[in-house]
């Protein structure tokens, strides 16, 4: 049996999950990463994506996050999300609104840096939309 550790997923609105888990897959800005017990201390930024959590009982939960950061320690992991919701509770209208807002932000961007950042966010949302809400 895999070692377990404490995991918390927190959004500004509420604590979404606080559980003893064996594995968490995070959408890090530099790529997906799997966190397990005794992980080296790490802090990483999170891009929009899906967080997959496997509890010590073997149950798997999935959450959509829209940015944030994770603090990883050998005995725990805390993900502070800008916004988060369980995949089962995701609303297609919310994703479509976020996509439209991202398109508008890209159109309104006045500098190359702002355009690049807006395009990256739009690309991340488009990929997320395809991954959790197939047509």
N, C-alpha and C. Protein backbone atom coordinates (compact mmCIF):
# COMPACT_ATOMS: atom_id res chain seq x y z
N UNK A 1 0.84 -1.19 0.00
CA UNK A 1 0.00 0.00 0.00
C UNK A 1 0.88 1.24 0.00
N UNK A 2 0.51 2.22 -0.81
CA UNK A 2 1.28 3.46 -0.91
C UNK A 2 1.13 4.29 0.36
N UNK A 3 2.19 5.03 0.68
CA UNK A 3 2.13 5.94 1.82
C UNK A 3 1.13 7.04 1.51
N UNK A 4 0.56 7.60 2.56
CA UNK A 4 -0.42 8.66 2.38
C UNK A 4 0.10 9.98 2.96
N UNK A 5 -0.56 11.05 2.57
CA UNK A 5 -0.22 12.38 3.06
C UNK A 5 -1.48 13.23 3.05
N UNK A 6 -1.41 14.39 3.66
CA UNK A 6 -2.56 15.30 3.74
C UNK A 6 -2.59 16.19 2.51
N UNK A 7 -3.78 16.38 1.94
CA UNK A 7 -3.97 17.26 0.79
C UNK A 7 -5.15 18.17 1.05
N UNK A 8 -4.96 19.45 0.74
CA UNK A 8 -6.06 20.42 0.82
C UNK A 8 -6.13 21.19 -0.48
N UNK A 9 -7.36 21.34 -0.98
CA UNK A 9 -7.65 22.16 -2.15
C UNK A 9 -8.53 23.30 -1.67
N UNK A 10 -8.00 24.52 -1.80
CA UNK A 10 -8.69 25.69 -1.26
C UNK A 10 -8.90 26.70 -2.39
N UNK A 11 -10.12 27.23 -2.47
CA UNK A 11 -10.40 28.34 -3.38
C UNK A 11 -10.77 29.54 -2.51
N UNK A 12 -10.83 30.73 -3.09
CA UNK A 12 -11.21 31.88 -2.27
C UNK A 12 -12.57 31.74 -1.60
N UNK A 13 -13.46 30.95 -2.22
CA UNK A 13 -14.81 30.79 -1.68
C UNK A 13 -14.90 29.79 -0.55
N UNK A 14 -14.07 28.69 -0.65
CA UNK A 14 -14.23 27.62 0.34
C UNK A 14 -13.12 26.58 0.25
N UNK A 15 -13.10 25.72 1.23
CA UNK A 15 -12.23 24.55 1.24
C UNK A 15 -12.98 23.47 0.47
N UNK A 16 -12.44 23.06 -0.68
CA UNK A 16 -13.12 22.06 -1.50
C UNK A 16 -12.83 20.64 -1.05
N UNK A 17 -11.60 20.42 -0.58
CA UNK A 17 -11.23 19.07 -0.17
C UNK A 17 -10.12 19.14 0.87
N UNK A 18 -10.27 18.34 1.90
CA UNK A 18 -9.22 18.13 2.88
C UNK A 18 -9.27 16.64 3.18
N UNK A 19 -8.22 15.91 2.74
CA UNK A 19 -8.28 14.47 2.83
C UNK A 19 -6.88 13.86 2.95
N UNK A 20 -6.85 12.61 3.39
CA UNK A 20 -5.64 11.82 3.39
C UNK A 20 -5.61 11.10 2.05
N UNK A 21 -4.53 11.33 1.28
CA UNK A 21 -4.47 10.84 -0.09
C UNK A 21 -3.17 10.07 -0.33
N UNK A 22 -3.14 9.32 -1.42
CA UNK A 22 -1.92 8.62 -1.81
C UNK A 22 -1.26 9.27 -3.02
N UNK A 23 -2.05 10.05 -3.78
CA UNK A 23 -1.51 10.64 -5.00
C UNK A 23 -2.36 11.82 -5.43
N UNK A 24 -1.68 12.87 -5.93
CA UNK A 24 -2.36 14.04 -6.50
C UNK A 24 -1.63 14.39 -7.79
N UNK A 25 -2.38 14.54 -8.87
CA UNK A 25 -1.80 14.98 -10.14
C UNK A 25 -2.22 16.43 -10.35
N UNK A 26 -1.21 17.31 -10.46
CA UNK A 26 -1.44 18.75 -10.57
C UNK A 26 -1.08 19.27 -11.96
N UNK A 27 -1.84 20.25 -12.47
CA UNK A 27 -1.48 20.87 -13.74
C UNK A 27 -0.53 22.04 -13.51
N UNK A 28 0.74 21.73 -13.29
CA UNK A 28 1.73 22.77 -13.05
C UNK A 28 1.97 23.59 -14.31
N UNK A 29 2.39 24.81 -14.14
CA UNK A 29 2.64 25.69 -15.28
C UNK A 29 3.68 25.10 -16.21
N UNK A 30 4.65 24.38 -15.67
CA UNK A 30 5.70 23.77 -16.48
C UNK A 30 5.37 22.34 -16.88
N UNK A 31 4.16 21.88 -16.60
CA UNK A 31 3.73 20.53 -16.97
C UNK A 31 3.07 19.83 -15.80
N UNK A 32 2.36 18.75 -16.11
CA UNK A 32 1.70 17.99 -15.05
C UNK A 32 2.73 17.36 -14.13
N UNK A 33 2.38 17.27 -12.86
CA UNK A 33 3.27 16.62 -11.90
C UNK A 33 2.45 15.79 -10.94
N UNK A 34 3.02 14.66 -10.56
CA UNK A 34 2.37 13.77 -9.60
C UNK A 34 3.04 13.95 -8.25
N UNK A 35 2.23 14.19 -7.25
CA UNK A 35 2.73 14.37 -5.88
C UNK A 35 2.35 13.12 -5.09
N UNK A 36 3.35 12.58 -4.40
CA UNK A 36 3.13 11.42 -3.53
C UNK A 36 3.79 11.72 -2.18
N UNK A 37 3.56 10.85 -1.22
CA UNK A 37 4.15 11.04 0.12
C UNK A 37 5.66 11.14 0.00
N UNK A 38 6.23 11.95 0.87
CA UNK A 38 7.68 12.17 0.95
C UNK A 38 8.25 12.91 -0.27
N UNK A 39 7.40 13.65 -0.95
CA UNK A 39 7.84 14.46 -2.10
C UNK A 39 8.80 15.54 -1.60
N UNK A 40 9.76 15.87 -2.41
CA UNK A 40 10.69 16.95 -2.07
C UNK A 40 9.90 18.26 -1.94
N UNK A 41 10.29 19.11 -0.99
CA UNK A 41 9.60 20.39 -0.86
C UNK A 41 9.67 21.18 -2.17
N UNK A 42 8.50 21.63 -2.62
CA UNK A 42 8.39 22.33 -3.89
C UNK A 42 7.25 23.32 -3.80
N UNK A 43 7.40 24.43 -4.49
CA UNK A 43 6.29 25.35 -4.67
C UNK A 43 6.19 25.57 -6.17
N UNK A 44 4.98 25.47 -6.72
CA UNK A 44 4.80 25.63 -8.16
C UNK A 44 3.52 26.40 -8.45
N UNK A 45 3.54 27.09 -9.56
CA UNK A 45 2.31 27.75 -10.01
C UNK A 45 1.47 26.72 -10.76
N UNK A 46 0.18 26.98 -10.78
CA UNK A 46 -0.79 26.07 -11.39
C UNK A 46 -1.46 26.78 -12.55
N UNK A 47 -1.59 26.06 -13.68
CA UNK A 47 -2.32 26.61 -14.83
C UNK A 47 -3.73 26.03 -14.83
N UNK A 48 -4.64 26.59 -15.60
CA UNK A 48 -5.98 26.00 -15.68
C UNK A 48 -5.88 24.55 -16.14
N UNK A 49 -6.56 23.68 -15.42
CA UNK A 49 -6.52 22.27 -15.75
C UNK A 49 -7.28 21.44 -14.75
N UNK A 50 -7.05 20.13 -14.80
CA UNK A 50 -7.74 19.20 -13.93
C UNK A 50 -6.77 18.64 -12.89
N UNK A 51 -7.18 18.66 -11.63
CA UNK A 51 -6.44 18.06 -10.53
C UNK A 51 -7.11 16.71 -10.24
N UNK A 52 -6.33 15.65 -10.25
CA UNK A 52 -6.85 14.32 -9.96
C UNK A 52 -6.29 13.87 -8.62
N UNK A 53 -7.18 13.50 -7.71
CA UNK A 53 -6.81 13.13 -6.35
C UNK A 53 -7.23 11.68 -6.10
N UNK A 54 -6.30 10.87 -5.60
CA UNK A 54 -6.60 9.50 -5.20
C UNK A 54 -6.50 9.43 -3.69
N UNK A 55 -7.62 9.14 -3.03
CA UNK A 55 -7.64 9.09 -1.56
C UNK A 55 -7.03 7.79 -1.07
N UNK A 56 -6.74 7.75 0.21
CA UNK A 56 -6.15 6.54 0.79
C UNK A 56 -7.12 5.37 0.75
N UNK A 57 -8.41 5.63 0.56
CA UNK A 57 -9.40 4.56 0.41
C UNK A 57 -9.50 4.08 -1.04
N UNK A 58 -8.77 4.73 -1.95
CA UNK A 58 -8.79 4.32 -3.36
C UNK A 58 -9.77 5.08 -4.23
N UNK A 59 -10.51 6.02 -3.67
CA UNK A 59 -11.48 6.82 -4.43
C UNK A 59 -10.73 7.90 -5.21
N UNK A 60 -11.19 8.17 -6.44
CA UNK A 60 -10.58 9.21 -7.25
C UNK A 60 -11.56 10.37 -7.41
N UNK A 61 -11.09 11.58 -7.14
CA UNK A 61 -11.87 12.79 -7.33
C UNK A 61 -11.14 13.68 -8.32
N UNK A 62 -11.90 14.42 -9.13
CA UNK A 62 -11.30 15.34 -10.11
C UNK A 62 -11.89 16.73 -9.91
N UNK A 63 -11.02 17.73 -10.00
CA UNK A 63 -11.42 19.11 -9.82
C UNK A 63 -10.83 19.95 -10.95
N UNK A 64 -11.59 20.91 -11.42
CA UNK A 64 -11.08 21.88 -12.39
C UNK A 64 -10.57 23.07 -11.60
N UNK A 65 -9.34 23.49 -11.90
CA UNK A 65 -8.77 24.68 -11.27
C UNK A 65 -8.43 25.70 -12.35
N UNK A 66 -8.54 26.95 -12.00
CA UNK A 66 -8.23 28.05 -12.92
C UNK A 66 -7.09 28.87 -12.34
N UNK A 67 -5.91 28.26 -12.30
CA UNK A 67 -4.74 28.95 -11.80
C UNK A 67 -4.59 28.86 -10.30
N UNK A 68 -3.43 29.31 -9.82
CA UNK A 68 -3.13 29.30 -8.40
C UNK A 68 -1.71 28.82 -8.17
N UNK A 69 -1.46 28.29 -6.97
CA UNK A 69 -0.15 27.71 -6.70
C UNK A 69 -0.28 26.58 -5.69
N UNK A 70 0.70 25.69 -5.69
CA UNK A 70 0.71 24.55 -4.78
C UNK A 70 1.98 24.60 -3.94
N UNK A 71 1.81 24.31 -2.66
CA UNK A 71 2.91 24.20 -1.72
C UNK A 71 3.01 22.72 -1.35
N UNK A 72 4.11 22.09 -1.73
CA UNK A 72 4.29 20.66 -1.54
C UNK A 72 5.38 20.41 -0.51
N UNK A 73 5.06 19.59 0.48
CA UNK A 73 6.00 19.20 1.53
C UNK A 73 6.01 17.68 1.61
N UNK A 74 6.99 17.07 2.26
CA UNK A 74 7.02 15.60 2.35
C UNK A 74 5.77 14.99 2.97
N UNK A 75 5.11 15.72 3.89
CA UNK A 75 3.94 15.16 4.56
C UNK A 75 2.63 15.82 4.18
N UNK A 76 2.64 16.66 3.12
CA UNK A 76 1.39 17.30 2.74
C UNK A 76 1.52 18.16 1.51
N UNK A 77 0.36 18.54 1.00
CA UNK A 77 0.30 19.41 -0.18
C UNK A 77 -0.94 20.28 -0.04
N UNK A 78 -0.75 21.58 -0.26
CA UNK A 78 -1.87 22.51 -0.26
C UNK A 78 -1.90 23.21 -1.60
N UNK A 79 -3.05 23.16 -2.26
CA UNK A 79 -3.23 23.86 -3.52
C UNK A 79 -4.18 25.02 -3.27
N UNK A 80 -3.68 26.23 -3.46
CA UNK A 80 -4.49 27.44 -3.33
C UNK A 80 -4.87 27.87 -4.74
N UNK A 81 -6.11 27.62 -5.11
CA UNK A 81 -6.58 27.87 -6.47
C UNK A 81 -7.24 29.24 -6.58
N UNK A 82 -7.04 29.90 -7.72
CA UNK A 82 -7.75 31.16 -7.97
C UNK A 82 -9.25 30.90 -8.03
N UNK A 83 -9.61 29.77 -8.60
CA UNK A 83 -11.00 29.32 -8.69
C UNK A 83 -10.97 27.82 -8.90
N UNK A 84 -11.91 27.09 -8.31
CA UNK A 84 -11.93 25.64 -8.45
C UNK A 84 -13.35 25.12 -8.28
N UNK A 85 -13.60 23.99 -8.96
CA UNK A 85 -14.91 23.34 -8.87
C UNK A 85 -14.71 21.86 -9.19
N UNK A 86 -15.53 21.01 -8.58
CA UNK A 86 -15.47 19.57 -8.89
C UNK A 86 -15.88 19.38 -10.35
N UNK A 87 -15.21 18.46 -11.05
CA UNK A 87 -15.54 18.22 -12.46
C UNK A 87 -17.02 17.88 -12.61
N UNK A 88 -17.56 17.13 -11.67
CA UNK A 88 -18.98 16.75 -11.74
C UNK A 88 -19.91 17.96 -11.65
N UNK A 89 -19.41 19.08 -11.12
CA UNK A 89 -20.23 20.28 -10.97
C UNK A 89 -19.95 21.34 -12.03
N UNK A 90 -19.07 21.03 -13.00
CA UNK A 90 -18.68 22.04 -13.98
C UNK A 90 -19.87 22.40 -14.86
N UNK A 91 -19.92 23.64 -15.22
CA UNK A 91 -21.02 24.18 -16.00
C UNK A 91 -20.49 24.63 -17.36
N UNK A 92 -21.05 24.07 -18.44
CA UNK A 92 -20.59 24.41 -19.80
C UNK A 92 -20.70 25.92 -20.05
N UNK A 93 -21.74 26.55 -19.54
CA UNK A 93 -21.90 28.00 -19.73
C UNK A 93 -20.76 28.77 -19.07
N UNK A 94 -20.30 28.29 -17.90
CA UNK A 94 -19.18 28.95 -17.22
C UNK A 94 -17.91 28.85 -18.05
N UNK A 95 -17.64 27.67 -18.59
CA UNK A 95 -16.45 27.50 -19.43
C UNK A 95 -16.55 28.39 -20.67
N UNK A 96 -17.73 28.40 -21.30
CA UNK A 96 -17.91 29.24 -22.49
C UNK A 96 -17.73 30.72 -22.18
N UNK A 97 -18.21 31.15 -21.01
CA UNK A 97 -18.03 32.56 -20.60
C UNK A 97 -16.55 32.87 -20.40
N UNK A 98 -15.83 31.95 -19.75
CA UNK A 98 -14.39 32.15 -19.54
C UNK A 98 -13.64 32.20 -20.87
N UNK A 99 -14.04 31.33 -21.82
CA UNK A 99 -13.41 31.35 -23.14
C UNK A 99 -13.67 32.68 -23.85
N UNK A 100 -14.90 33.16 -23.79
CA UNK A 100 -15.23 34.44 -24.43
C UNK A 100 -14.45 35.59 -23.78
N UNK A 101 -14.36 35.58 -22.45
CA UNK A 101 -13.59 36.61 -21.75
C UNK A 101 -12.12 36.57 -22.18
N UNK A 102 -11.58 35.36 -22.31
CA UNK A 102 -10.18 35.21 -22.72
C UNK A 102 -9.97 35.72 -24.15
N UNK A 103 -10.92 35.45 -25.03
CA UNK A 103 -10.83 35.96 -26.41
C UNK A 103 -10.85 37.49 -26.43
N UNK A 104 -11.72 38.08 -25.59
CA UNK A 104 -11.79 39.54 -25.50
C UNK A 104 -10.50 40.12 -24.92
N UNK A 105 -9.95 39.46 -23.92
CA UNK A 105 -8.68 39.92 -23.34
C UNK A 105 -7.57 39.89 -24.39
N UNK A 106 -7.56 38.85 -25.21
CA UNK A 106 -6.56 38.75 -26.27
C UNK A 106 -6.75 39.88 -27.28
N UNK A 107 -7.98 40.14 -27.67
CA UNK A 107 -8.26 41.21 -28.63
C UNK A 107 -7.90 42.58 -28.06
N UNK A 108 -8.05 42.78 -26.76
CA UNK A 108 -7.79 44.07 -26.13
C UNK A 108 -6.33 44.26 -25.72
N UNK A 109 -5.54 43.20 -25.78
CA UNK A 109 -4.14 43.29 -25.35
C UNK A 109 -3.38 44.28 -26.22
N UNK A 110 -2.62 45.16 -25.57
CA UNK A 110 -1.95 46.23 -26.32
C UNK A 110 -0.43 46.04 -26.43
N UNK A 111 0.12 45.12 -25.65
CA UNK A 111 1.57 44.88 -25.74
C UNK A 111 1.80 43.42 -26.12
N UNK A 112 2.99 43.15 -26.63
CA UNK A 112 3.32 41.78 -27.00
C UNK A 112 3.26 40.85 -25.80
N UNK A 113 3.72 41.32 -24.65
CA UNK A 113 3.69 40.51 -23.44
C UNK A 113 2.26 40.19 -23.03
N UNK A 114 1.40 41.19 -23.06
CA UNK A 114 0.00 40.99 -22.71
C UNK A 114 -0.68 40.05 -23.71
N UNK A 115 -0.36 40.19 -24.98
CA UNK A 115 -0.93 39.30 -26.00
C UNK A 115 -0.49 37.87 -25.79
N UNK A 116 0.80 37.67 -25.48
CA UNK A 116 1.31 36.33 -25.26
C UNK A 116 0.63 35.69 -24.05
N UNK A 117 0.51 36.44 -22.97
CA UNK A 117 -0.12 35.92 -21.76
C UNK A 117 -1.59 35.58 -22.03
N UNK A 118 -2.30 36.46 -22.73
CA UNK A 118 -3.71 36.22 -23.04
C UNK A 118 -3.86 35.00 -23.95
N UNK A 119 -2.97 34.85 -24.91
CA UNK A 119 -3.03 33.70 -25.82
C UNK A 119 -2.76 32.40 -25.08
N UNK A 120 -1.81 32.40 -24.17
CA UNK A 120 -1.51 31.20 -23.39
C UNK A 120 -2.71 30.79 -22.55
N UNK A 121 -3.37 31.77 -21.93
CA UNK A 121 -4.54 31.48 -21.10
C UNK A 121 -5.68 30.94 -21.97
N UNK A 122 -5.90 31.55 -23.12
CA UNK A 122 -6.93 31.07 -24.04
C UNK A 122 -6.63 29.64 -24.49
N UNK A 123 -5.38 29.36 -24.81
CA UNK A 123 -4.99 28.00 -25.21
C UNK A 123 -5.24 27.00 -24.09
N UNK A 124 -4.91 27.37 -22.86
CA UNK A 124 -5.11 26.48 -21.72
C UNK A 124 -6.60 26.20 -21.52
N UNK A 125 -7.43 27.24 -21.62
CA UNK A 125 -8.87 27.05 -21.45
C UNK A 125 -9.45 26.19 -22.56
N UNK A 126 -8.98 26.39 -23.79
CA UNK A 126 -9.46 25.60 -24.91
C UNK A 126 -9.12 24.13 -24.71
N UNK A 127 -7.91 23.84 -24.27
CA UNK A 127 -7.49 22.47 -24.00
C UNK A 127 -8.32 21.88 -22.87
N UNK A 128 -8.52 22.65 -21.81
CA UNK A 128 -9.32 22.20 -20.67
C UNK A 128 -10.74 21.89 -21.11
N UNK A 129 -11.32 22.76 -21.90
CA UNK A 129 -12.68 22.57 -22.39
C UNK A 129 -12.79 21.26 -23.16
N UNK A 130 -11.84 20.98 -24.01
CA UNK A 130 -11.86 19.74 -24.77
C UNK A 130 -11.67 18.51 -23.90
N UNK A 131 -10.92 18.66 -22.82
CA UNK A 131 -10.62 17.51 -21.96
C UNK A 131 -11.79 17.13 -21.04
N UNK A 132 -12.55 18.11 -20.58
CA UNK A 132 -13.60 17.80 -19.61
C UNK A 132 -15.00 17.86 -20.17
N UNK A 133 -15.17 18.55 -21.30
CA UNK A 133 -16.50 18.70 -21.88
C UNK A 133 -16.49 18.35 -23.36
N UNK A 134 -16.31 17.07 -23.68
CA UNK A 134 -16.29 16.73 -25.10
C UNK A 134 -17.60 17.09 -25.77
N UNK A 135 -17.51 17.42 -27.05
CA UNK A 135 -18.68 17.88 -27.81
C UNK A 135 -19.81 16.90 -27.82
